C-alpha atoms as a PDB file:
ATOM      1  CA  UNK A   1       0.262   0.105   0.348  1.00  0.00           C
ATOM      2  CA  UNK A   2       3.573   2.851   0.078  1.00  0.00           C
ATOM      3  CA  UNK A   3       2.848   4.173  -3.705  1.00  0.00           C
ATOM      4  CA  UNK A   4       6.768   5.982  -3.210  1.00  0.00           C
ATOM      5  CA  UNK A   5      10.120   4.974  -3.067  1.00  0.00           C
ATOM      6  CA  UNK A   6      11.523   4.241  -0.262  1.00  0.00           C
ATOM      7  CA  UNK A   7      13.782   7.670  -0.241  1.00  0.00           C
ATOM      8  CA  UNK A   8      10.719   9.528  -0.914  1.00  0.00           C
ATOM      9  CA  UNK A   9       8.927   8.219   1.763  1.00  0.00           C
ATOM     10  CA  UNK A  10      11.959   8.540   4.174  1.00  0.00           C
ATOM     11  CA  UNK A  11      11.945  12.021   2.962  1.00  0.00           C
ATOM     12  CA  UNK A  12       8.283  12.607   3.822  1.00  0.00           C
ATOM     13  CA  UNK A  13       8.475  10.856   7.241  1.00  0.00           C
ATOM     14  CA  UNK A  14      11.064  13.141   8.117  1.00  0.00           C
ATOM     15  CA  UNK A  15       9.750  16.333   7.186  1.00  0.00           C
ATOM     16  CA  UNK A  16       6.890  15.647   9.249  1.00  0.00           C
ATOM     17  CA  UNK A  17       6.054  16.587  12.770  1.00  0.00           C
ATOM     18  CA  UNK A  18       6.648  13.499  15.545  1.00  0.00           C
ATOM     19  CA  UNK A  19       4.263  11.129  16.541  1.00  0.00           C
ATOM     20  CA  UNK A  20       3.408  11.865  20.318  1.00  0.00           C
ATOM     21  CA  UNK A  21       5.474   9.207  22.614  1.00  0.00           C
ATOM     22  CA  UNK A  22       2.853   7.466  22.962  1.00  0.00           C
ATOM     23  CA  UNK A  23       1.227   7.061  19.651  1.00  0.00           C
ATOM     24  CA  UNK A  24       5.178   5.062  19.082  1.00  0.00           C
ATOM     25  CA  UNK A  25       4.323   3.010  22.325  1.00  0.00           C
ATOM     26  CA  UNK A  26       0.781   2.135  20.351  1.00  0.00           C
ATOM     27  CA  UNK A  27       3.067   1.606  17.000  1.00  0.00           C
ATOM     28  CA  UNK A  28       5.447  -0.264  18.020  1.00  0.00           C
ATOM     29  CA  UNK A  29       2.948  -2.453  20.223  1.00  0.00           C
ATOM     30  CA  UNK A  30       0.798  -3.141  17.266  1.00  0.00           C
ATOM     31  CA  UNK A  31       3.277  -4.479  15.099  1.00  0.00           C
ATOM     32  CA  UNK A  32       5.179  -6.866  18.267  1.00  0.00           C
ATOM     33  CA  UNK A  33       2.109  -8.284  19.613  1.00  0.00           C
ATOM     34  CA  UNK A  34      -1.538  -7.475  16.587  1.00  0.00           C
ATOM     35  CA  UNK A  35      -2.165  -9.296  13.633  1.00  0.00           C
ATOM     36  CA  UNK A  36      -1.727  -7.202  10.652  1.00  0.00           C
ATOM     37  CA  UNK A  37      -0.440  -4.450  11.525  1.00  0.00           C
ATOM     38  CA  UNK A  38      -0.471  -2.721   7.934  1.00  0.00           C
ATOM     39  CA  UNK A  39      -4.259  -1.945   9.195  1.00  0.00           C
ATOM     40  CA  UNK A  40      -2.611   1.213  11.694  1.00  0.00           C
ATOM     41  CA  UNK A  41      -2.351   4.620  10.301  1.00  0.00           C
ATOM     42  CA  UNK A  42       1.368   4.426  11.002  1.00  0.00           C
ATOM     43  CA  UNK A  43       3.086   8.140  11.354  1.00  0.00           C
ATOM     44  CA  UNK A  44       2.891  10.456   8.580  1.00  0.00           C
ATOM     45  CA  UNK A  45      -1.335   8.939   7.734  1.00  0.00           C
ATOM     46  CA  UNK A  46      -1.464  10.374  11.782  1.00  0.00           C
ATOM     47  CA  UNK A  47      -0.226  12.795  10.930  1.00  0.00           C
ATOM     48  CA  UNK A  48      -1.965  14.271   8.148  1.00  0.00           C
ATOM     49  CA  UNK A  49      -5.887  12.942  10.209  1.00  0.00           C
ATOM     50  CA  UNK A  50      -4.688  15.309  12.906  1.00  0.00           C
ATOM     51  CA  UNK A  51      -3.931  18.093  10.600  1.00  0.00           C
ATOM     52  CA  UNK A  52      -7.179  18.168   8.749  1.00  0.00           C
ATOM     53  CA  UNK A  53      -8.646  17.302  12.763  1.00  0.00           C
ATOM     54  CA  UNK A  54      -6.650  20.696  13.841  1.00  0.00           C
ATOM     55  CA  UNK A  55      -8.226  22.479  10.778  1.00  0.00           C
ATOM     56  CA  UNK A  56     -11.728  21.756  10.954  1.00  0.00           C
ATOM     57  CA  UNK A  57     -12.401  21.290  14.909  1.00  0.00           C
ATOM     58  CA  UNK A  58     -14.934  18.924  14.783  1.00  0.00           C
ATOM     59  CA  UNK A  59     -17.680  18.915  17.507  1.00  0.00           C
ATOM     60  CA  UNK A  60     -18.615  15.021  16.969  1.00  0.00           C
ATOM     61  CA  UNK A  61     -16.720  12.590  15.087  1.00  0.00           C
ATOM     62  CA  UNK A  62     -17.263   9.048  14.166  1.00  0.00           C
ATOM     63  CA  UNK A  63     -14.577   6.467  13.266  1.00  0.00           C
ATOM     64  CA  UNK A  64     -16.016   3.591  12.338  1.00  0.00           C
ATOM     65  CA  UNK A  65     -13.249   0.949  12.364  1.00  0.00           C
ATOM     66  CA  UNK A  66     -11.314   1.193  15.668  1.00  0.00           C
ATOM     67  CA  UNK A  67      -8.318  -1.424  14.983  1.00  0.00           C
ATOM     68  CA  UNK A  68      -5.932  -0.218  18.221  1.00  0.00           C
ATOM     69  CA  UNK A  69      -7.245   3.415  18.415  1.00  0.00           C
ATOM     70  CA  UNK A  70      -4.629   4.592  16.530  1.00  0.00           C
ATOM     71  CA  UNK A  71      -6.236   7.168  14.550  1.00  0.00           C
ATOM     72  CA  UNK A  72      -9.164   7.926  17.250  1.00  0.00           C
ATOM     73  CA  UNK A  73      -6.321   9.297  19.453  1.00  0.00           C
ATOM     74  CA  UNK A  74      -4.639  11.459  16.277  1.00  0.00           C
ATOM     75  CA  UNK A  75      -8.572  12.820  15.497  1.00  0.00           C
ATOM     76  CA  UNK A  76      -9.475  12.998  18.717  1.00  0.00           C
ATOM     77  CA  UNK A  77      -6.507  16.093  18.609  1.00  0.00           C
ATOM     78  CA  UNK A  78      -7.833  18.296  16.687  1.00  0.00           C
ATOM     79  CA  UNK A  79     -11.836  18.169  18.595  1.00  0.00           C
ATOM     80  CA  UNK A  80     -12.567  21.615  20.203  1.00  0.00           C
ATOM     81  CA  UNK A  81     -13.666  22.495  23.366  1.00  0.00           C
ATOM     82  CA  UNK A  82     -16.179  19.422  24.779  1.00  0.00           C
ATOM     83  CA  UNK A  83     -15.893  18.034  21.265  1.00  0.00           C
ATOM     84  CA  UNK A  84     -16.150  13.418  21.398  1.00  0.00           C
ATOM     85  CA  UNK A  85     -15.233  11.086  18.879  1.00  0.00           C
ATOM     86  CA  UNK A  86     -17.772   8.228  18.794  1.00  0.00           C
ATOM     87  CA  UNK A  87     -15.193   5.067  17.696  1.00  0.00           C
ATOM     88  CA  UNK A  88     -16.818   1.191  16.744  1.00  0.00           C
ATOM     89  CA  UNK A  89     -15.326  -2.160  16.090  1.00  0.00           C
ATOM     90  CA  UNK A  90     -16.593  -5.552  16.359  1.00  0.00           C
ATOM     91  CA  UNK A  91     -13.262  -6.711  17.384  1.00  0.00           C
ATOM     92  CA  UNK A  92     -13.364  -7.016  21.213  1.00  0.00           C
ATOM     93  CA  UNK A  93     -10.605  -8.336  21.964  1.00  0.00           C
ATOM     94  CA  UNK A  94      -8.315  -4.995  20.945  1.00  0.00           C
ATOM     95  CA  UNK A  95     -10.945  -3.016  23.655  1.00  0.00           C
ATOM     96  CA  UNK A  96      -7.666  -3.601  26.564  1.00  0.00           C
ATOM     97  CA  UNK A  97      -5.154  -2.335  24.643  1.00  0.00           C
ATOM     98  CA  UNK A  98      -7.728   0.314  22.830  1.00  0.00           C
ATOM     99  CA  UNK A  99      -8.153   1.609  26.583  1.00  0.00           C
ATOM    100  CA  UNK A 100      -5.219   1.310  28.117  1.00  0.00           C
ATOM    101  CA  UNK A 101      -3.452   3.987  25.193  1.00  0.00           C
ATOM    102  CA  UNK A 102      -6.787   6.458  25.831  1.00  0.00           C
ATOM    103  CA  UNK A 103      -5.810   6.834  28.828  1.00  0.00           C
ATOM    104  CA  UNK A 104      -1.541   6.844  27.981  1.00  0.00           C
ATOM    105  CA  UNK A 105      -4.026   9.916  26.009  1.00  0.00           C
ATOM    106  CA  UNK A 106      -5.977  11.715  28.743  1.00  0.00           C
ATOM    107  CA  UNK A 107      -8.273  11.172  26.034  1.00  0.00           C
ATOM    108  CA  UNK A 108     -10.887   9.603  28.539  1.00  0.00           C
ATOM    109  CA  UNK A 109     -12.909  12.518  27.881  1.00  0.00           C
ATOM    110  CA  UNK A 110     -12.834  12.499  24.243  1.00  0.00           C
ATOM    111  CA  UNK A 111     -13.426   9.257  22.845  1.00  0.00           C
ATOM    112  CA  UNK A 112     -16.067   6.623  23.313  1.00  0.00           C
ATOM    113  CA  UNK A 113     -15.534   2.800  22.379  1.00  0.00           C
ATOM    114  CA  UNK A 114     -17.999   1.077  21.107  1.00  0.00           C
ATOM    115  CA  UNK A 115     -17.829  -2.810  19.940  1.00  0.00           C
ATOM    116  CA  UNK A 116     -19.910  -4.323  17.532  1.00  0.00           C
ATOM    117  CA  UNK A 117     -21.436  -4.413  13.663  1.00  0.00           C
ATOM    118  CA  UNK A 118     -21.352  -0.881  12.624  1.00  0.00           C
ATOM    119  CA  UNK A 119     -24.527  -0.515  10.583  1.00  0.00           C
ATOM    120  CA  UNK A 120     -25.991  -1.965  13.282  1.00  0.00           C
ATOM    121  CA  UNK A 121     -24.094   0.837  16.299  1.00  0.00           C
ATOM    122  CA  UNK A 122     -24.018   3.829  14.402  1.00  0.00           C
ATOM    123  CA  UNK A 123     -28.067   4.251  14.381  1.00  0.00           C
ATOM    124  CA  UNK A 124     -28.074   3.748  18.203  1.00  0.00           C
ATOM    125  CA  UNK A 125     -25.715   6.832  18.129  1.00  0.00           C
ATOM    126  CA  UNK A 126     -27.814   9.570  18.218  1.00  0.00           C
ATOM    127  CA  UNK A 127     -26.716  12.930  16.391  1.00  0.00           C
ATOM    128  CA  UNK A 128     -25.556  15.153  13.907  1.00  0.00           C
ATOM    129  CA  UNK A 129     -21.139  14.379  12.458  1.00  0.00           C
ATOM    130  CA  UNK A 130     -18.960  16.873  11.516  1.00  0.00           C
ATOM    131  CA  UNK A 131     -16.374  14.536  10.947  1.00  0.00           C
ATOM    132  CA  UNK A 132     -16.504  10.875   9.782  1.00  0.00           C
ATOM    133  CA  UNK A 133     -13.709   8.678   9.264  1.00  0.00           C
ATOM    134  CA  UNK A 134     -14.803   4.869   7.364  1.00  0.00           C
ATOM    135  CA  UNK A 135     -11.180   2.462   7.478  1.00  0.00           C
ATOM    136  CA  UNK A 136     -13.423  -0.762   8.301  1.00  0.00           C
ATOM    137  CA  UNK A 137     -15.009  -3.973   6.605  1.00  0.00           C
ATOM    138  CA  UNK A 138     -14.274  -2.628   2.375  1.00  0.00           C
ATOM    139  CA  UNK A 139     -17.391  -4.001   1.653  1.00  0.00           C
ATOM    140  CA  UNK A 140     -19.517  -1.926   3.171  1.00  0.00           C
ATOM    141  CA  UNK A 141     -18.042   1.052   2.566  1.00  0.00           C
ATOM    142  CA  UNK A 142     -20.902   2.279  -0.187  1.00  0.00           C
ATOM    143  CA  UNK A 143     -23.713   1.208   3.068  1.00  0.00           C
ATOM    144  CA  UNK A 144     -21.142   2.928   6.064  1.00  0.00           C
ATOM    145  CA  UNK A 145     -21.792   6.065   3.035  1.00  0.00           C
ATOM    146  CA  UNK A 146     -25.214   5.579   2.895  1.00  0.00           C
ATOM    147  CA  UNK A 147     -25.654   5.400   6.609  1.00  0.00           C
ATOM    148  CA  UNK A 148     -23.736   8.207   7.432  1.00  0.00           C
ATOM    149  CA  UNK A 149     -24.286  11.226   5.082  1.00  0.00           C
ATOM    150  CA  UNK A 150     -27.731  11.631   5.906  1.00  0.00           C
ATOM    151  CA  UNK A 151     -25.959  12.309   9.089  1.00  0.00           C
ATOM    152  CA  UNK A 152     -23.474  15.169   8.214  1.00  0.00           C
ATOM    153  CA  UNK A 153     -23.833  18.764   9.601  1.00  0.00           C
ATOM    154  CA  UNK A 154     -23.827  20.903   6.736  1.00  0.00           C
ATOM    155  CA  UNK A 155     -20.317  21.320   5.285  1.00  0.00           C
ATOM    156  CA  UNK A 156     -19.334  18.199   7.341  1.00  0.00           C
ATOM    157  CA  UNK A 157     -16.561  16.145   6.363  1.00  0.00           C
ATOM    158  CA  UNK A 158     -15.898  12.274   4.704  1.00  0.00           C
ATOM    159  CA  UNK A 159     -12.713  10.750   4.916  1.00  0.00           C
ATOM    160  CA  UNK A 160     -12.088   7.215   3.604  1.00  0.00           C
ATOM    161  CA  UNK A 161      -9.143   4.843   3.872  1.00  0.00           C
ATOM    162  CA  UNK A 162      -8.122   2.183   1.591  1.00  0.00           C
ATOM    163  CA  UNK A 163      -9.536   3.641  -1.830  1.00  0.00           C
ATOM    164  CA  UNK A 164      -6.966   2.787  -3.800  1.00  0.00           C
ATOM    165  CA  UNK A 165      -6.313  -0.487  -2.042  1.00  0.00           C
ATOM    166  CA  UNK A 166      -2.896  -1.166  -3.090  1.00  0.00           C
ATOM    167  CA  UNK A 167      -2.981  -0.583  -6.576  1.00  0.00           C
ATOM    168  CA  UNK A 168      -6.269  -2.973  -7.719  1.00  0.00           C
ATOM    169  CA  UNK A 169      -8.849  -0.482  -7.504  1.00  0.00           C
ATOM    170  CA  UNK A 170      -7.495   0.089 -11.137  1.00  0.00           C
ATOM    171  CA  UNK A 171      -7.724  -3.280 -12.253  1.00  0.00           C
ATOM    172  CA  UNK A 172      -9.539  -4.665 -14.806  1.00  0.00           C
ATOM    173  CA  UNK A 173     -13.159  -4.877 -13.568  1.00  0.00           C
ATOM    174  CA  UNK A 174     -13.303  -8.694 -14.077  1.00  0.00           C
ATOM    175  CA  UNK A 175     -10.636  -9.445 -11.749  1.00  0.00           C
ATOM    176  CA  UNK A 176     -11.626  -7.224  -9.073  1.00  0.00           C
ATOM    177  CA  UNK A 177     -11.906  -9.427  -5.986  1.00  0.00           C
ATOM    178  CA  UNK A 178     -15.497  -8.284  -3.767  1.00  0.00           C
ATOM    179  CA  UNK A 179     -13.627  -5.857  -1.703  1.00  0.00           C
ATOM    180  CA  UNK A 180     -12.424  -4.206  -4.740  1.00  0.00           C
ATOM    181  CA  UNK A 181     -15.545  -3.867  -6.491  1.00  0.00           C
ATOM    182  CA  UNK A 182     -17.414  -2.586  -3.460  1.00  0.00           C
ATOM    183  CA  UNK A 183     -14.669  -0.096  -3.528  1.00  0.00           C
ATOM    184  CA  UNK A 184     -15.150   1.272  -6.820  1.00  0.00           C
ATOM    185  CA  UNK A 185     -18.621   0.840  -6.801  1.00  0.00           C
ATOM    186  CA  UNK A 186     -17.700   2.905  -3.497  1.00  0.00           C
ATOM    187  CA  UNK A 187     -15.818   5.376  -4.938  1.00  0.00           C
ATOM    188  CA  UNK A 188     -18.062   5.776  -8.272  1.00  0.00           C
ATOM    189  CA  UNK A 189     -21.240   6.773  -6.221  1.00  0.00           C
ATOM    190  CA  UNK A 190     -18.827   9.651  -3.925  1.00  0.00           C
ATOM    191  CA  UNK A 191     -17.711  11.510  -7.477  1.00  0.00           C
ATOM    192  CA  UNK A 192     -21.446  10.968  -9.066  1.00  0.00           C
ATOM    193  CA  UNK A 193     -23.231  12.570  -5.656  1.00  0.00           C
ATOM    194  CA  UNK A 194     -24.081  16.061  -6.427  1.00  0.00           C
ATOM    195  CA  UNK A 195     -23.899  16.867  -3.291  1.00  0.00           C
ATOM    196  CA  UNK A 196     -20.159  15.906  -2.527  1.00  0.00           C
ATOM    197  CA  UNK A 197     -17.039  17.960  -3.193  1.00  0.00           C
ATOM    198  CA  UNK A 198     -14.241  15.076  -3.162  1.00  0.00           C
ATOM    199  CA  UNK A 199     -10.536  14.992  -3.327  1.00  0.00           C
ATOM    200  CA  UNK A 200      -8.301  11.557  -3.624  1.00  0.00           C
ATOM    201  CA  UNK A 201      -5.413  12.035  -1.734  1.00  0.00           C
ATOM    202  CA  UNK A 202      -2.397   9.134  -2.960  1.00  0.00           C
ATOM    203  CA  UNK A 203      -1.399   9.226   0.451  1.00  0.00           C
ATOM    204  CA  UNK A 204      -0.095   5.357   1.413  1.00  0.00           C
ATOM    205  CA  UNK A 205      -3.181   3.322   0.584  1.00  0.00           C
ATOM    206  CA  UNK A 206      -5.583   6.706  -0.540  1.00  0.00           C
ATOM    207  CA  UNK A 207      -7.510   8.182   1.396  1.00  0.00           C
ATOM    208  CA  UNK A 208     -10.981   9.990  -0.127  1.00  0.00           C
ATOM    209  CA  UNK A 209     -11.473  13.593   1.436  1.00  0.00           C
ATOM    210  CA  UNK A 210     -15.119  14.766   1.050  1.00  0.00           C
ATOM    211  CA  UNK A 211     -17.471  17.542   2.316  1.00  0.00           C
ATOM    212  CA  UNK A 212     -20.977  17.402   2.389  1.00  0.00           C
ATOM    213  CA  UNK A 213     -22.632  20.505   1.112  1.00  0.00           C
ATOM    214  CA  UNK A 214     -25.265  20.115   3.482  1.00  0.00           C
END
């Protein structure tokens, strides 16, 4: 999922603000103890998420796909005073680790964890959102988009990770697997949405940045 030559990727990382200590620790622990550590946002993408959140200053963030909590901690850095991030993951085995790092960051009052199927949990969370980050099972990306787009504040932002899918997104349709087809359908749906301004940023595995007009 890394498309830049190694030398350029290292240069980008060297010229990006460093992670806080607790994120460095979480990064190392994820890679040493957790399955599929490539799912972690990591240093450069994490600082990008933090920067966007600080620019938006959201009061309410929804994250679909917590994993070990790295991206939630990055996004929470930009919350407005009194703001809350609601994050959902179906895997409760990682919850103790996520809670430990939330406490380590001092974000207990900013982040709320939900465990379960996001399609069922999202309707149970009341209110509108200023910022949504989608980074969960790829086959549900079109469903997540339909579910959250009506819950966005006017001018709200949706970020979707992995939309280049290690380059598989440009394969011929007949060669795509189910995940790739779902991502292609999601990208096409956003591109055709008259209420969405969007930019596909080629950062790591691709982040689709969407601004809902109303």
